[in-house]
Amino acid sequence: MLVALLFAAAFTGGLVERLVGRNLTGLLGRRAVPRSDHVVVVGLGQVGLRLCMLLRTCGIAVVAIDDQTDGENVGHARRLGLPVVIGRGADPSLLRRLSLDHAIALAAVTADDLQNIKVALAAHAEARDLRVVLRAGSNATGGETRSLERLGHVRDVHRIGAVYIAGLALGSAAAHVVVDGDTAHLRDADGDLERCAYPVAG
């Protein structure tokens, strides 16, 4: 009877903590961790939070991983009802618990390029066919990523943005930038590509 009372007390305490505590995931509802057809976002900075919100707006289930329990954007994510798991994104056991093998994709978007590479390699080891997107801010890091393993295409978003801004400064009517291999083309609102082309990968 004593053991039964202890179990009942533990269950009640856990249930109350789950309902009223500062938990970042839930058993049901919007903060429940998805188990299939979802995107795992590692890093809950400005890029990660905006990405989570955009994915949810598109109707795609998402779960975020961050290593800071009291981070500013972790609090924002909680108020928005986004499920957040505290831990290391490169931890294989954590990735397995988040059903990475049933996910659509993983995005490693922390502010640390090398950490993003670690996460991408760990995810690739757990689910080889998974679509992985990583944020890498420097050309040196991008080149190192290519030499470590062929994870996919490398795109320098800063240089793509620079191509667009340069086109506008030179009087272009471009509405988009289209990337073809290592080259970016300016495309106008009618869908026509401009003849000039600029390299986007170094």
C-alpha atoms as a PDB file:
ATOM      1  CA  MET A   1       0.000   0.000   0.000  1.00  0.00           C
ATOM      2  CA  LEU A   2       2.900   2.336   0.765  1.00  0.00           C
ATOM      3  CA  VAL A   3       4.416   1.729  -2.682  1.00  0.00           C
ATOM      4  CA  ALA A   4       1.036   2.409  -4.300  1.00  0.00           C
ATOM      5  CA  LEU A   5       0.758   5.702  -2.413  1.00  0.00           C
ATOM      6  CA  LEU A   6       4.261   6.712  -3.511  1.00  0.00           C
ATOM      7  CA  PHE A   7       3.470   5.939  -7.151  1.00  0.00           C
ATOM      8  CA  ALA A   8       0.202   7.877  -6.920  1.00  0.00           C
ATOM      9  CA  ALA A   9       1.990  10.878  -5.417  1.00  0.00           C
ATOM     10  CA  ALA A  10       4.703  10.783  -8.076  1.00  0.00           C
ATOM     11  CA  PHE A  11       2.129  10.507 -10.870  1.00  0.00           C
ATOM     12  CA  THR A  12       0.075  13.384  -9.463  1.00  0.00           C
ATOM     13  CA  GLY A  13       3.169  15.571  -9.063  1.00  0.00           C
ATOM     14  CA  GLY A  14       4.314  14.829 -12.595  1.00  0.00           C
ATOM     15  CA  LEU A  15       0.867  15.556 -13.999  1.00  0.00           C
ATOM     16  CA  VAL A  16       0.613  18.884 -12.163  1.00  0.00           C
ATOM     17  CA  GLU A  17       4.122  19.862 -13.317  1.00  0.00           C
ATOM     18  CA  ARG A  18       3.200  18.955 -16.886  1.00  0.00           C
ATOM     19  CA  LEU A  19       0.057  21.071 -16.766  1.00  0.00           C
ATOM     20  CA  VAL A  20       1.251  24.178 -14.936  1.00  0.00           C
ATOM     21  CA  GLY A  21       5.041  24.054 -15.134  1.00  0.00           C
ATOM     22  CA  ARG A  22       7.382  25.732 -17.614  1.00  0.00           C
ATOM     23  CA  ASN A  23       7.546  22.700 -19.893  1.00  0.00           C
ATOM     24  CA  LEU A  24       8.542  23.332 -23.473  1.00  0.00           C
ATOM     25  CA  THR A  25       6.702  20.338 -24.921  1.00  0.00           C
ATOM     26  CA  GLY A  26       3.282  18.864 -24.308  1.00  0.00           C
ATOM     27  CA  LEU A  27       1.567  15.511 -24.483  1.00  0.00           C
ATOM     28  CA  LEU A  28      -1.150  16.829 -26.796  1.00  0.00           C
ATOM     29  CA  GLY A  29      -1.866  19.931 -28.823  1.00  0.00           C
ATOM     30  CA  ARG A  30       0.445  22.369 -30.570  1.00  0.00           C
ATOM     31  CA  ARG A  31       3.412  21.740 -28.267  1.00  0.00           C
ATOM     32  CA  ALA A  32       3.341  17.970 -28.727  1.00  0.00           C
ATOM     33  CA  VAL A  33       6.518  16.653 -30.352  1.00  0.00           C
ATOM     34  CA  PRO A  34       5.655  15.381 -33.856  1.00  0.00           C
ATOM     35  CA  ARG A  35       6.620  11.820 -34.744  1.00  0.00           C
ATOM     36  CA  SER A  36       6.498  11.849 -38.550  1.00  0.00           C
ATOM     37  CA  ASP A  37       6.482  14.218 -41.529  1.00  0.00           C
ATOM     38  CA  HIS A  38       8.097  16.968 -39.471  1.00  0.00           C
ATOM     39  CA  VAL A  39      11.145  19.230 -39.610  1.00  0.00           C
ATOM     40  CA  VAL A  40      13.729  19.322 -36.827  1.00  0.00           C
ATOM     41  CA  VAL A  41      15.221  22.803 -36.370  1.00  0.00           C
ATOM     42  CA  VAL A  42      18.443  22.971 -34.360  1.00  0.00           C
ATOM     43  CA  GLY A  43      19.158  26.413 -32.933  1.00  0.00           C
ATOM     44  CA  LEU A  44      16.516  28.818 -31.712  1.00  0.00           C
ATOM     45  CA  GLY A  45      18.097  32.155 -32.524  1.00  0.00           C
ATOM     46  CA  GLN A  46      16.388  34.679 -34.777  1.00  0.00           C
ATOM     47  CA  VAL A  47      16.888  32.474 -37.846  1.00  0.00           C
ATOM     48  CA  GLY A  48      15.649  29.330 -36.113  1.00  0.00           C
ATOM     49  CA  LEU A  49      12.580  30.968 -34.580  1.00  0.00           C
ATOM     50  CA  ARG A  50      11.559  32.590 -37.868  1.00  0.00           C
ATOM     51  CA  LEU A  51      12.087  29.307 -39.690  1.00  0.00           C
ATOM     52  CA  CYS A  52       9.876  27.447 -37.176  1.00  0.00           C
ATOM     53  CA  MET A  53       7.129  30.039 -37.539  1.00  0.00           C
ATOM     54  CA  LEU A  54       7.316  29.946 -41.345  1.00  0.00           C
ATOM     55  CA  LEU A  55       7.168  26.141 -41.417  1.00  0.00           C
ATOM     56  CA  ARG A  56       4.151  26.126 -39.114  1.00  0.00           C
ATOM     57  CA  THR A  57       2.451  28.761 -41.303  1.00  0.00           C
ATOM     58  CA  CYS A  58       3.014  26.406 -44.253  1.00  0.00           C
ATOM     59  CA  GLY A  59       1.277  23.629 -42.324  1.00  0.00           C
ATOM     60  CA  ILE A  60       4.444  21.636 -41.597  1.00  0.00           C
ATOM     61  CA  ALA A  61       4.972  20.148 -38.137  1.00  0.00           C
ATOM     62  CA  VAL A  62       8.161  21.325 -36.466  1.00  0.00           C
ATOM     63  CA  VAL A  63      10.199  20.699 -33.324  1.00  0.00           C
ATOM     64  CA  ALA A  64      13.111  22.890 -32.234  1.00  0.00           C
ATOM     65  CA  ILE A  65      16.265  21.947 -30.328  1.00  0.00           C
ATOM     66  CA  ASP A  66      18.183  24.504 -28.288  1.00  0.00           C
ATOM     67  CA  ASP A  67      20.869  24.200 -25.624  1.00  0.00           C
ATOM     68  CA  GLN A  68      19.754  27.225 -23.578  1.00  0.00           C
ATOM     69  CA  THR A  69      16.840  26.607 -21.227  1.00  0.00           C
ATOM     70  CA  ASP A  70      16.378  30.287 -20.444  1.00  0.00           C
ATOM     71  CA  GLY A  71      17.111  31.700 -23.898  1.00  0.00           C
ATOM     72  CA  GLU A  72      14.992  34.662 -24.984  1.00  0.00           C
ATOM     73  CA  ASN A  73      13.641  32.925 -28.067  1.00  0.00           C
ATOM     74  CA  VAL A  74      12.935  29.741 -26.111  1.00  0.00           C
ATOM     75  CA  GLY A  75      10.441  31.811 -24.136  1.00  0.00           C
ATOM     76  CA  HIS A  76       8.986  33.222 -27.362  1.00  0.00           C
ATOM     77  CA  ALA A  77       8.650  29.725 -28.780  1.00  0.00           C
ATOM     78  CA  ARG A  78       6.835  28.554 -25.646  1.00  0.00           C
ATOM     79  CA  ARG A  79       4.349  31.433 -25.906  1.00  0.00           C
ATOM     80  CA  LEU A  80       3.809  30.618 -29.587  1.00  0.00           C
ATOM     81  CA  GLY A  81       3.118  26.975 -28.755  1.00  0.00           C
ATOM     82  CA  LEU A  82       6.188  25.612 -30.558  1.00  0.00           C
ATOM     83  CA  PRO A  83       7.595  22.370 -29.120  1.00  0.00           C
ATOM     84  CA  VAL A  84      11.174  22.908 -27.915  1.00  0.00           C
ATOM     85  CA  VAL A  85      13.563  20.249 -26.631  1.00  0.00           C
ATOM     86  CA  ILE A  86      16.574  21.335 -24.600  1.00  0.00           C
ATOM     87  CA  GLY A  87      19.746  19.481 -25.553  1.00  0.00           C
ATOM     88  CA  ARG A  88      22.614  19.200 -28.021  1.00  0.00           C
ATOM     89  CA  GLY A  89      21.561  18.988 -31.642  1.00  0.00           C
ATOM     90  CA  ALA A  90      24.512  16.722 -32.461  1.00  0.00           C
ATOM     91  CA  ASP A  91      23.464  14.153 -29.819  1.00  0.00           C
ATOM     92  CA  PRO A  92      22.484  10.984 -31.748  1.00  0.00           C
ATOM     93  CA  SER A  93      20.260   9.699 -28.933  1.00  0.00           C
ATOM     94  CA  LEU A  94      18.295  12.968 -28.917  1.00  0.00           C
ATOM     95  CA  LEU A  95      17.893  12.869 -32.693  1.00  0.00           C
ATOM     96  CA  ARG A  96      16.600   9.310 -32.454  1.00  0.00           C
ATOM     97  CA  ARG A  97      14.099  10.318 -29.755  1.00  0.00           C
ATOM     98  CA  LEU A  98      12.787  12.987 -32.109  1.00  0.00           C
ATOM     99  CA  SER A  99      12.067  10.337 -34.790  1.00  0.00           C
ATOM    100  CA  LEU A 100      14.628  11.741 -37.195  1.00  0.00           C
ATOM    101  CA  ASP A 101      14.214   8.727 -39.479  1.00  0.00           C
ATOM    102  CA  HIS A 102      10.568   9.758 -40.040  1.00  0.00           C
ATOM    103  CA  ALA A 103      11.268  13.480 -40.477  1.00  0.00           C
ATOM    104  CA  ILE A 104      11.052  15.463 -43.707  1.00  0.00           C
ATOM    105  CA  ALA A 105      14.227  17.426 -43.036  1.00  0.00           C
ATOM    106  CA  LEU A 106      16.613  18.816 -40.448  1.00  0.00           C
ATOM    107  CA  ALA A 107      17.840  22.419 -40.404  1.00  0.00           C
ATOM    108  CA  ALA A 108      20.982  23.269 -38.406  1.00  0.00           C
ATOM    109  CA  VAL A 109      20.822  27.036 -38.000  1.00  0.00           C
ATOM    110  CA  THR A 110      22.756  27.903 -34.847  1.00  0.00           C
ATOM    111  CA  ALA A 111      25.122  30.882 -34.884  1.00  0.00           C
ATOM    112  CA  ASP A 112      28.115  28.493 -34.711  1.00  0.00           C
ATOM    113  CA  ASP A 113      29.079  27.188 -38.165  1.00  0.00           C
ATOM    114  CA  LEU A 114      31.149  24.295 -36.833  1.00  0.00           C
ATOM    115  CA  GLN A 115      28.319  23.232 -34.545  1.00  0.00           C
ATOM    116  CA  ASN A 116      25.981  23.230 -37.542  1.00  0.00           C
ATOM    117  CA  ILE A 117      28.389  20.955 -39.393  1.00  0.00           C
ATOM    118  CA  LYS A 118      28.492  18.584 -36.402  1.00  0.00           C
ATOM    119  CA  VAL A 119      24.699  18.494 -36.317  1.00  0.00           C
ATOM    120  CA  ALA A 120      24.494  17.867 -40.064  1.00  0.00           C
ATOM    121  CA  LEU A 121      26.976  14.987 -39.893  1.00  0.00           C
ATOM    122  CA  ALA A 122      25.206  13.459 -36.877  1.00  0.00           C
ATOM    123  CA  ALA A 123      21.850  13.708 -38.643  1.00  0.00           C
ATOM    124  CA  HIS A 124      23.291  12.231 -41.826  1.00  0.00           C
ATOM    125  CA  ALA A 125      24.655   9.286 -39.812  1.00  0.00           C
ATOM    126  CA  GLU A 126      21.236   8.637 -38.253  1.00  0.00           C
ATOM    127  CA  ALA A 127      19.160   9.052 -41.417  1.00  0.00           C
ATOM    128  CA  ARG A 128      21.277   8.944 -44.559  1.00  0.00           C
ATOM    129  CA  ASP A 129      18.468   9.907 -46.946  1.00  0.00           C
ATOM    130  CA  LEU A 130      17.255  12.815 -44.815  1.00  0.00           C
ATOM    131  CA  ARG A 131      17.254  16.288 -46.370  1.00  0.00           C
ATOM    132  CA  VAL A 132      19.692  18.380 -44.294  1.00  0.00           C
ATOM    133  CA  VAL A 133      20.061  22.155 -44.473  1.00  0.00           C
ATOM    134  CA  LEU A 134      22.836  23.871 -42.555  1.00  0.00           C
ATOM    135  CA  ARG A 135      23.774  27.479 -41.994  1.00  0.00           C
ATOM    136  CA  ALA A 136      27.425  28.302 -42.644  1.00  0.00           C
ATOM    137  CA  GLY A 137      28.457  31.942 -42.704  1.00  0.00           C
ATOM    138  CA  SER A 138      32.032  31.850 -43.986  1.00  0.00           C
ATOM    139  CA  ASN A 139      33.478  30.655 -47.276  1.00  0.00           C
ATOM    140  CA  ALA A 140      36.129  28.734 -45.357  1.00  0.00           C
ATOM    141  CA  THR A 141      33.477  26.828 -43.434  1.00  0.00           C
ATOM    142  CA  GLY A 142      31.550  26.118 -46.614  1.00  0.00           C
ATOM    143  CA  GLY A 143      34.660  24.714 -48.242  1.00  0.00           C
ATOM    144  CA  GLU A 144      35.377  22.597 -45.164  1.00  0.00           C
ATOM    145  CA  THR A 145      31.838  21.231 -45.324  1.00  0.00           C
ATOM    146  CA  ARG A 146      32.425  20.103 -48.901  1.00  0.00           C
ATOM    147  CA  SER A 147      35.684  18.414 -47.974  1.00  0.00           C
ATOM    148  CA  LEU A 148      34.190  16.597 -44.950  1.00  0.00           C
ATOM    149  CA  GLU A 149      31.416  14.873 -46.845  1.00  0.00           C
ATOM    150  CA  ARG A 150      29.107  15.459 -49.768  1.00  0.00           C
ATOM    151  CA  LEU A 151      26.051  16.627 -47.855  1.00  0.00           C
ATOM    152  CA  GLY A 152      24.545  18.432 -50.824  1.00  0.00           C
ATOM    153  CA  HIS A 153      24.644  21.835 -52.476  1.00  0.00           C
ATOM    154  CA  VAL A 154      26.485  24.745 -50.872  1.00  0.00           C
ATOM    155  CA  ARG A 155      24.866  28.164 -51.346  1.00  0.00           C
ATOM    156  CA  ASP A 156      26.236  31.463 -50.069  1.00  0.00           C
ATOM    157  CA  VAL A 157      23.073  33.379 -49.189  1.00  0.00           C
ATOM    158  CA  HIS A 158      25.062  36.534 -48.462  1.00  0.00           C
ATOM    159  CA  ARG A 159      26.519  36.523 -51.951  1.00  0.00           C
ATOM    160  CA  ILE A 160      23.114  35.743 -53.478  1.00  0.00           C
ATOM    161  CA  GLY A 161      21.709  38.735 -51.605  1.00  0.00           C
ATOM    162  CA  ALA A 162      24.617  40.846 -52.817  1.00  0.00           C
ATOM    163  CA  VAL A 163      23.841  39.842 -56.417  1.00  0.00           C
ATOM    164  CA  TYR A 164      20.249  41.016 -55.985  1.00  0.00           C
ATOM    165  CA  ILE A 165      21.249  44.320 -54.362  1.00  0.00           C
ATOM    166  CA  ALA A 166      23.925  44.955 -56.994  1.00  0.00           C
ATOM    167  CA  GLY A 167      21.376  44.336 -59.745  1.00  0.00           C
ATOM    168  CA  LEU A 168      18.958  46.836 -58.204  1.00  0.00           C
ATOM    169  CA  ALA A 169      21.747  49.389 -57.798  1.00  0.00           C
ATOM    170  CA  LEU A 170      22.580  49.045 -61.507  1.00  0.00           C
ATOM    171  CA  GLY A 171      18.975  49.645 -62.534  1.00  0.00           C
ATOM    172  CA  SER A 172      17.810  46.054 -62.919  1.00  0.00           C
ATOM    173  CA  ALA A 173      14.094  45.303 -62.661  1.00  0.00           C
ATOM    174  CA  ALA A 174      14.882  41.937 -61.044  1.00  0.00           C
ATOM    175  CA  ALA A 175      12.317  40.462 -58.682  1.00  0.00           C
ATOM    176  CA  HIS A 176      14.187  37.249 -57.866  1.00  0.00           C
ATOM    177  CA  VAL A 177      17.578  35.590 -57.944  1.00  0.00           C
ATOM    178  CA  VAL A 178      17.713  32.156 -59.569  1.00  0.00           C
ATOM    179  CA  VAL A 179      20.658  29.921 -58.712  1.00  0.00           C
ATOM    180  CA  ASP A 180      21.957  27.491 -61.329  1.00  0.00           C
ATOM    181  CA  GLY A 181      24.946  25.545 -60.099  1.00  0.00           C
ATOM    182  CA  ASP A 182      27.469  28.107 -58.854  1.00  0.00           C
ATOM    183  CA  THR A 183      25.908  30.970 -60.780  1.00  0.00           C
ATOM    184  CA  ALA A 184      23.072  33.343 -59.880  1.00  0.00           C
ATOM    185  CA  HIS A 185      20.838  34.912 -62.533  1.00  0.00           C
ATOM    186  CA  LEU A 186      18.574  37.892 -62.007  1.00  0.00           C
ATOM    187  CA  ARG A 187      14.945  37.239 -62.990  1.00  0.00           C
ATOM    188  CA  ASP A 188      12.379  39.965 -63.577  1.00  0.00           C
ATOM    189  CA  ALA A 189       8.701  39.919 -62.628  1.00  0.00           C
ATOM    190  CA  ASP A 190       7.776  38.349 -66.018  1.00  0.00           C
ATOM    191  CA  GLY A 191      10.071  35.397 -65.360  1.00  0.00           C
ATOM    192  CA  ASP A 192      12.716  36.395 -67.903  1.00  0.00           C
ATOM    193  CA  LEU A 193      16.338  35.813 -66.913  1.00  0.00           C
ATOM    194  CA  GLU A 194      18.816  38.593 -67.491  1.00  0.00           C
ATOM    195  CA  ARG A 195      21.844  37.746 -69.600  1.00  0.00           C
ATOM    196  CA  CYS A 196      24.373  38.779 -66.982  1.00  0.00           C
ATOM    197  CA  ALA A 197      25.331  36.038 -64.535  1.00  0.00           C
ATOM    198  CA  TYR A 198      27.276  36.252 -61.310  1.00  0.00           C
ATOM    199  CA  PRO A 199      29.170  33.530 -59.417  1.00  0.00           C
ATOM    200  CA  VAL A 200      27.670  32.611 -56.029  1.00  0.00           C
ATOM    201  CA  ALA A 201      30.095  29.976 -54.764  1.00  0.00           C
ATOM    202  CA  GLY A 202      33.757  30.494 -54.181  1.00  0.00           C
END
